[in-house]
Protein backbone atom coordinates (compact mmCIF):
# COMPACT_ATOMS: atom_id res chain seq x y z
CA UNK A 1 0.10 0.03 -0.05
CA UNK A 2 1.57 3.50 -0.85
CA UNK A 3 2.02 5.90 1.95
CA UNK A 4 1.44 9.87 1.13
CA UNK A 5 2.04 12.77 2.89
CA UNK A 6 -0.59 14.95 3.23
CA UNK A 7 -0.08 19.08 3.98
CA UNK A 8 -1.02 18.76 6.99
CA UNK A 9 1.53 16.61 7.52
CA UNK A 10 0.26 12.83 8.33
CA UNK A 11 1.03 10.06 6.44
CA UNK A 12 -1.75 8.39 4.49
CA UNK A 13 -1.81 5.49 2.82
CA UNK A 14 -3.66 5.89 -1.19
CA UNK A 15 -5.73 2.30 -2.35
CA UNK A 16 -3.28 0.11 -2.81
CA UNK A 17 -3.03 -1.54 -6.99
CA UNK A 18 -4.30 -4.27 -5.74
CA UNK A 19 -8.02 -2.18 -4.07
CA UNK A 20 -7.86 -0.31 -7.61
CA UNK A 21 -10.61 -2.36 -9.64
CA UNK A 22 -8.47 -3.27 -13.02
CA UNK A 23 -10.59 -2.72 -15.56
CA UNK A 24 -10.22 1.18 -14.36
CA UNK A 25 -6.32 1.94 -14.54
CA UNK A 26 -6.55 0.15 -17.76
CA UNK A 27 -9.02 3.55 -19.03
CA UNK A 28 -6.61 6.15 -17.42
CA UNK A 29 -4.02 7.12 -19.73
CA UNK A 30 -3.31 7.94 -22.80
CA UNK A 31 -5.76 6.12 -24.93
CA UNK A 32 -8.50 7.40 -23.07
CA UNK A 33 -7.29 10.89 -23.74
CA UNK A 34 -7.80 11.01 -27.40
CA UNK A 35 -11.93 10.46 -26.11
CA UNK A 36 -11.75 13.82 -23.70
CA UNK A 37 -13.26 16.78 -26.11
CA UNK A 38 -16.27 14.36 -27.33
CA UNK A 39 -16.70 13.99 -22.86
CA UNK A 40 -16.85 17.75 -21.69
CA UNK A 41 -19.32 17.67 -24.89
CA UNK A 42 -21.75 15.40 -23.19
CA UNK A 43 -21.33 17.36 -20.04
CA UNK A 44 -21.03 20.70 -21.18
CA UNK A 45 -24.89 19.52 -23.21
CA UNK A 46 -27.14 20.61 -20.21
CA UNK A 47 -27.78 24.51 -20.65
CA UNK A 48 -26.54 25.64 -16.89
CA UNK A 49 -23.57 23.98 -17.16
CA UNK A 50 -23.12 24.60 -20.57
CA UNK A 51 -24.07 27.97 -19.86
CA UNK A 52 -21.52 27.81 -17.00
CA UNK A 53 -18.66 27.14 -18.74
CA UNK A 54 -19.28 29.25 -21.76
CA UNK A 55 -19.73 32.31 -19.89
CA UNK A 56 -17.15 31.73 -16.99
CA UNK A 57 -15.50 34.81 -15.58
CA UNK A 58 -12.46 32.54 -14.21
CA UNK A 59 -10.43 33.10 -17.17
CA UNK A 60 -7.67 30.34 -14.88
CA UNK A 61 -9.97 27.75 -15.97
CA UNK A 62 -11.50 28.13 -19.52
CA UNK A 63 -9.86 25.51 -21.82
CA UNK A 64 -10.31 27.99 -24.79
CA UNK A 65 -7.77 30.42 -23.12
CA UNK A 66 -5.49 27.84 -21.03
CA UNK A 67 -6.03 25.07 -22.93
CA UNK A 68 -2.43 23.12 -21.05
CA UNK A 69 -3.57 23.84 -17.19
CA UNK A 70 -7.40 23.10 -18.14
CA UNK A 71 -5.73 18.81 -19.78
CA UNK A 72 -3.30 19.08 -16.49
CA UNK A 73 -6.29 20.05 -13.67
CA UNK A 74 -8.94 17.56 -16.00
CA UNK A 75 -6.86 14.24 -15.84
CA UNK A 76 -4.99 15.22 -11.62
CA UNK A 77 -9.14 15.30 -11.33
CA UNK A 78 -9.51 11.53 -12.35
CA UNK A 79 -6.49 10.65 -11.31
CA UNK A 80 -6.98 11.58 -7.76
CA UNK A 81 -10.40 10.81 -8.24
CA UNK A 82 -10.02 7.06 -8.49
CA UNK A 83 -6.19 6.61 -7.31
CA UNK A 84 -6.11 8.86 -4.60
CA UNK A 85 -5.95 8.84 -0.71
CA UNK A 86 -8.82 10.15 1.51
CA UNK A 87 -6.65 13.12 2.05
CA UNK A 88 -5.80 14.18 -0.84
CA UNK A 89 -8.94 13.41 -2.57
CA UNK A 90 -10.42 16.02 0.38
CA UNK A 91 -8.19 18.65 -1.44
CA UNK A 92 -9.07 18.12 -3.76
CA UNK A 93 -12.86 18.93 -3.46
CA UNK A 94 -11.56 21.80 -2.01
CA UNK A 95 -9.54 23.69 -5.18
CA UNK A 96 -12.45 22.27 -7.09
CA UNK A 97 -14.89 24.31 -4.39
CA UNK A 98 -12.45 27.23 -4.65
CA UNK A 99 -12.35 27.71 -8.25
CA UNK A 100 -16.00 27.00 -8.13
CA UNK A 101 -17.53 29.81 -6.39
CA UNK A 102 -16.81 32.81 -8.60
CA UNK A 103 -18.91 30.23 -11.51
CA UNK A 104 -22.65 30.98 -10.87
CA UNK A 105 -25.58 32.99 -12.37
CA UNK A 106 -25.73 36.37 -12.69
CA UNK A 107 -29.78 38.67 -11.60
CA UNK A 108 -30.91 38.67 -15.73
CA UNK A 109 -29.33 35.72 -17.09
CA UNK A 110 -30.44 33.92 -19.24
CA UNK A 111 -29.91 30.22 -17.88
CA UNK A 112 -29.38 30.17 -14.24
CA UNK A 113 -26.55 28.42 -13.23
CA UNK A 114 -24.17 27.63 -9.76
CA UNK A 115 -21.12 25.23 -10.99
CA UNK A 116 -21.77 24.09 -6.25
CA UNK A 117 -25.16 22.18 -7.27
CA UNK A 118 -24.49 19.08 -6.35
CA UNK A 119 -28.16 17.86 -9.38
CA UNK A 120 -25.19 19.09 -12.04
CA UNK A 121 -21.61 17.76 -10.52
CA UNK A 122 -23.78 14.74 -10.73
CA UNK A 123 -24.62 14.75 -14.61
CA UNK A 124 -21.31 15.87 -14.87
CA UNK A 125 -19.37 12.95 -12.47
CA UNK A 126 -22.18 10.24 -14.69
CA UNK A 127 -20.54 11.37 -17.74
CA UNK A 128 -17.07 10.78 -17.17
CA UNK A 129 -18.32 6.30 -15.55
CA UNK A 130 -19.70 6.46 -18.60
CA UNK A 131 -16.22 7.68 -20.71
CA UNK A 132 -14.60 5.85 -18.95
CA UNK A 133 -16.92 3.57 -19.35
CA UNK A 134 -17.04 3.66 -23.79
CA UNK A 135 -13.13 3.63 -23.52
CA UNK A 136 -12.91 0.42 -22.02
CA UNK A 137 -15.02 -1.35 -24.69
CA UNK A 138 -13.53 0.69 -27.44
CA UNK A 139 -10.08 -0.59 -25.44
CA UNK A 140 -11.01 -4.49 -25.05
CA UNK A 141 -13.54 -4.57 -28.50
CA UNK A 142 -16.17 -5.56 -25.45
CA UNK A 143 -17.54 -4.21 -21.92
CA UNK A 144 -16.05 -5.96 -18.79
CA UNK A 145 -17.96 -9.06 -17.79
CA UNK A 146 -21.42 -7.88 -14.64
CA UNK A 147 -19.79 -9.32 -12.39
CA UNK A 148 -16.44 -7.12 -12.94
CA UNK A 149 -18.51 -3.84 -15.20
CA UNK A 150 -20.53 -4.10 -11.31
CA UNK A 151 -17.03 -3.88 -9.52
CA UNK A 152 -15.70 -0.62 -12.36
CA UNK A 153 -19.25 1.14 -11.14
CA UNK A 154 -19.73 1.13 -7.37
CA UNK A 155 -15.74 2.42 -8.22
CA UNK A 156 -16.67 4.66 -9.96
CA UNK A 157 -18.90 6.33 -7.88
CA UNK A 158 -15.62 8.44 -6.33
CA UNK A 159 -15.69 10.24 -9.81
CA UNK A 160 -19.27 11.93 -8.09
CA UNK A 161 -18.17 11.84 -4.24
CA UNK A 162 -14.99 13.53 -4.64
CA UNK A 163 -17.22 16.51 -5.81
CA UNK A 164 -20.11 18.07 -3.89
CA UNK A 165 -22.52 14.48 -4.49
CA UNK A 166 -23.55 11.82 -1.79
CA UNK A 167 -22.78 8.82 -1.48
CA UNK A 168 -27.09 8.10 -1.39
CA UNK A 169 -27.08 10.72 -5.06
CA UNK A 170 -24.83 8.02 -6.55
CA UNK A 171 -27.29 5.50 -8.09
CA UNK A 172 -27.13 2.15 -6.28
CA UNK A 173 -26.09 0.22 -9.17
CA UNK A 174 -25.84 -0.08 -13.12
CA UNK A 175 -29.53 -0.10 -13.92
CA UNK A 176 -30.95 2.53 -11.71
CA UNK A 177 -27.40 4.32 -13.75
CA UNK A 178 -29.12 2.82 -16.69
CA UNK A 179 -32.68 5.06 -15.75
CA UNK A 180 -30.85 8.43 -14.81
CA UNK A 181 -28.82 8.68 -18.05
CA UNK A 182 -32.13 7.96 -19.47
CA UNK A 183 -33.38 11.02 -18.38
CA UNK A 184 -30.45 12.79 -18.62
CA UNK A 185 -30.16 11.64 -22.30
CA UNK A 186 -34.31 13.96 -22.53
CA UNK A 187 -32.42 17.18 -20.31
CA UNK A 188 -29.12 18.03 -22.90
CA UNK A 189 -30.34 21.00 -24.87
CA UNK A 190 -27.97 23.00 -26.20
CA UNK A 191 -28.75 26.76 -27.76
CA UNK A 192 -26.67 29.48 -30.14
CA UNK A 193 -23.57 29.97 -26.60
CA UNK A 194 -23.71 26.84 -25.74
CA UNK A 195 -23.28 25.23 -29.19
CA UNK A 196 -21.11 27.25 -31.12
CA UNK A 197 -18.82 27.61 -27.81
CA UNK A 198 -19.01 23.70 -28.67
CA UNK A 199 -18.51 22.81 -32.02
CA UNK A 200 -15.17 25.54 -31.28
CA UNK A 201 -14.38 22.71 -29.15
CA UNK A 202 -14.84 20.57 -31.00
CA UNK A 203 -12.72 22.04 -34.03
CA UNK A 204 -9.53 22.44 -31.47
CA UNK A 205 -9.96 26.59 -31.64
CA UNK A 206 -9.32 26.17 -28.02
CA UNK A 207 -4.95 24.77 -29.14
CA UNK A 208 -4.46 28.11 -31.83
CA UNK A 209 -6.94 30.79 -30.62
CA UNK A 210 -4.35 31.34 -27.44
CA UNK A 211 -1.35 31.81 -29.58
CA UNK A 212 -3.08 34.93 -31.66
CA UNK A 213 -2.01 35.10 -35.42
CA UNK A 214 0.57 32.82 -34.85
CA UNK A 215 -2.39 29.98 -33.87
CA UNK A 216 -3.75 31.18 -37.48
CA UNK A 217 -1.45 28.12 -39.87
CA UNK A 218 -2.51 25.15 -37.28
CA UNK A 219 -6.24 25.87 -37.26
CA UNK A 220 -6.26 23.89 -41.07
CA UNK A 221 -4.50 21.74 -39.14
CA UNK A 222 -6.34 20.41 -36.78
CA UNK A 223 -10.09 20.83 -37.01
CA UNK A 224 -10.25 18.47 -39.16
CA UNK A 225 -8.43 15.99 -36.62
CA UNK A 226 -10.28 17.66 -33.12
CA UNK A 227 -13.42 16.88 -35.76
CA UNK A 228 -12.60 13.28 -35.99
CA UNK A 229 -11.84 12.46 -32.95
CA UNK A 230 -14.87 14.63 -31.18
CA UNK A 231 -17.24 12.30 -33.36
CA UNK A 232 -15.55 10.08 -33.67
CA UNK A 233 -16.04 9.49 -29.47
CA UNK A 234 -19.50 11.76 -29.28
CA UNK A 235 -22.71 9.81 -28.80
CA UNK A 236 -25.33 10.54 -30.58
CA UNK A 237 -27.98 11.92 -28.99
CA UNK A 238 -25.08 15.01 -28.52
CA UNK A 239 -23.89 14.55 -31.85
CA UNK A 240 -27.16 15.75 -32.95
CA UNK A 241 -28.01 17.94 -30.99
CA UNK A 242 -24.49 19.03 -31.82
CA UNK A 243 -25.18 20.53 -35.29
CA UNK A 244 -22.37 18.88 -36.93
CA UNK A 245 -22.57 15.33 -39.42
CA UNK A 246 -20.75 12.24 -39.52
CA UNK A 247 -21.40 10.26 -42.44
CA UNK A 248 -20.98 6.47 -42.49
CA UNK A 249 -17.96 6.25 -43.66
CA UNK A 250 -16.47 8.35 -41.45
CA UNK A 251 -17.32 5.91 -38.63
CA UNK A 252 -15.83 3.11 -40.46
CA UNK A 253 -12.35 5.36 -40.58
CA UNK A 254 -12.72 5.98 -37.14
CA UNK A 255 -13.61 2.38 -36.01
CA UNK A 256 -10.05 1.60 -38.07
CA UNK A 257 -8.48 3.81 -36.46
CA UNK A 258 -9.41 2.75 -32.67
CA UNK A 259 -8.47 -0.50 -33.38
CA UNK A 260 -5.09 0.13 -34.43
CA UNK A 261 -4.54 2.65 -31.77
CA UNK A 262 -5.70 -0.53 -28.54
CA UNK A 263 -3.14 -3.17 -30.22
CA UNK A 264 -0.85 -0.40 -29.57
CA UNK A 265 -1.45 0.66 -26.90
CA UNK A 266 -1.50 -3.22 -25.73
CA UNK A 267 2.33 -3.58 -26.23
CA UNK A 268 3.17 -0.17 -24.45
CA UNK A 269 4.73 -1.13 -21.23
CA UNK A 270 2.73 -0.47 -18.04
CA UNK A 271 3.90 3.56 -17.66
CA UNK A 272 3.92 4.47 -20.97
CA UNK A 273 -0.21 2.90 -21.18
CA UNK A 274 -0.81 4.99 -18.18
CA UNK A 275 1.01 8.19 -19.15
CA UNK A 276 0.27 11.41 -18.91
CA UNK A 277 -1.73 10.95 -15.29
CA UNK A 278 1.08 8.97 -13.27
CA UNK A 279 2.76 12.09 -14.45
CA UNK A 280 -0.22 14.21 -12.94
CA UNK A 281 -1.06 12.41 -10.22
CA UNK A 282 2.81 13.01 -9.27
CA UNK A 283 3.21 16.76 -9.99
CA UNK A 284 0.49 16.99 -8.07
CA UNK A 285 1.79 15.54 -4.67
CA UNK A 286 4.10 16.67 -5.06
CA UNK A 287 2.15 20.26 -4.92
CA UNK A 288 -0.37 19.71 -2.64
CA UNK A 289 3.45 18.43 0.08
CA UNK A 290 4.53 21.80 -1.24
CA UNK A 291 1.08 23.50 -0.25
CA UNK A 292 0.61 24.51 -3.55
CA UNK A 293 -2.44 24.75 -5.22
CA UNK A 294 -3.55 21.14 -7.62
CA UNK A 295 -6.25 23.22 -10.04
């Protein structure tokens, strides 16, 4: 069992490798990173969440202004939520709360939102779990056996409870989650503001935008790559709401790319498969020991 030093100097045990379902370890790595953009769009497909991000004045957390920092924050959150000790999860929750404190609607805003709303945070966590399950399915070509899928699902509740979601709010089992998810799909909605913002994410405009005029030559190169990976990973209800077409030919090309990527991933050594989550987790632990922010 690994020992970590917390910010208050106590030594606390992080989950031992045998306590973390191998299915979870499988999806924490660079293979799943290509699904990240699609998962962000899934989270923001609920109007309050989409408006909360698109209208946010917290520039340090905006992917369209600080893409590398946003990547570090997101992957660090996933790594700590799934692999961190309880004190590390509390530290991450406090950091997220600090960042979320200024994210709320103002009087007169067309869509009310509050980043502390546990119902909205439950939706975000549900998208993260759904994304990890999809990554596993694509990586192995099938879902895990039902008993292993149950273990993976129960463990993934940490994605929710590292936020403001209580244990009781996380659906009790996979059947309950399926009902919650189907109800959530009926609530996805984009308006002109969020659809335009999310289409720009799908085209990877956030990569070139911070570079200003220097980023202009990158746009025609990044746009087709971003669109291909984002729409390939994005489930159909979200893809339709986003308003970007996706053909059968593109689906066949994406499926072929997945098979090739999964085959390469399987022969890589474990540290390479888990990159960059392993690097960001180590960095977060160094930051906590030094009393530095991790978000």
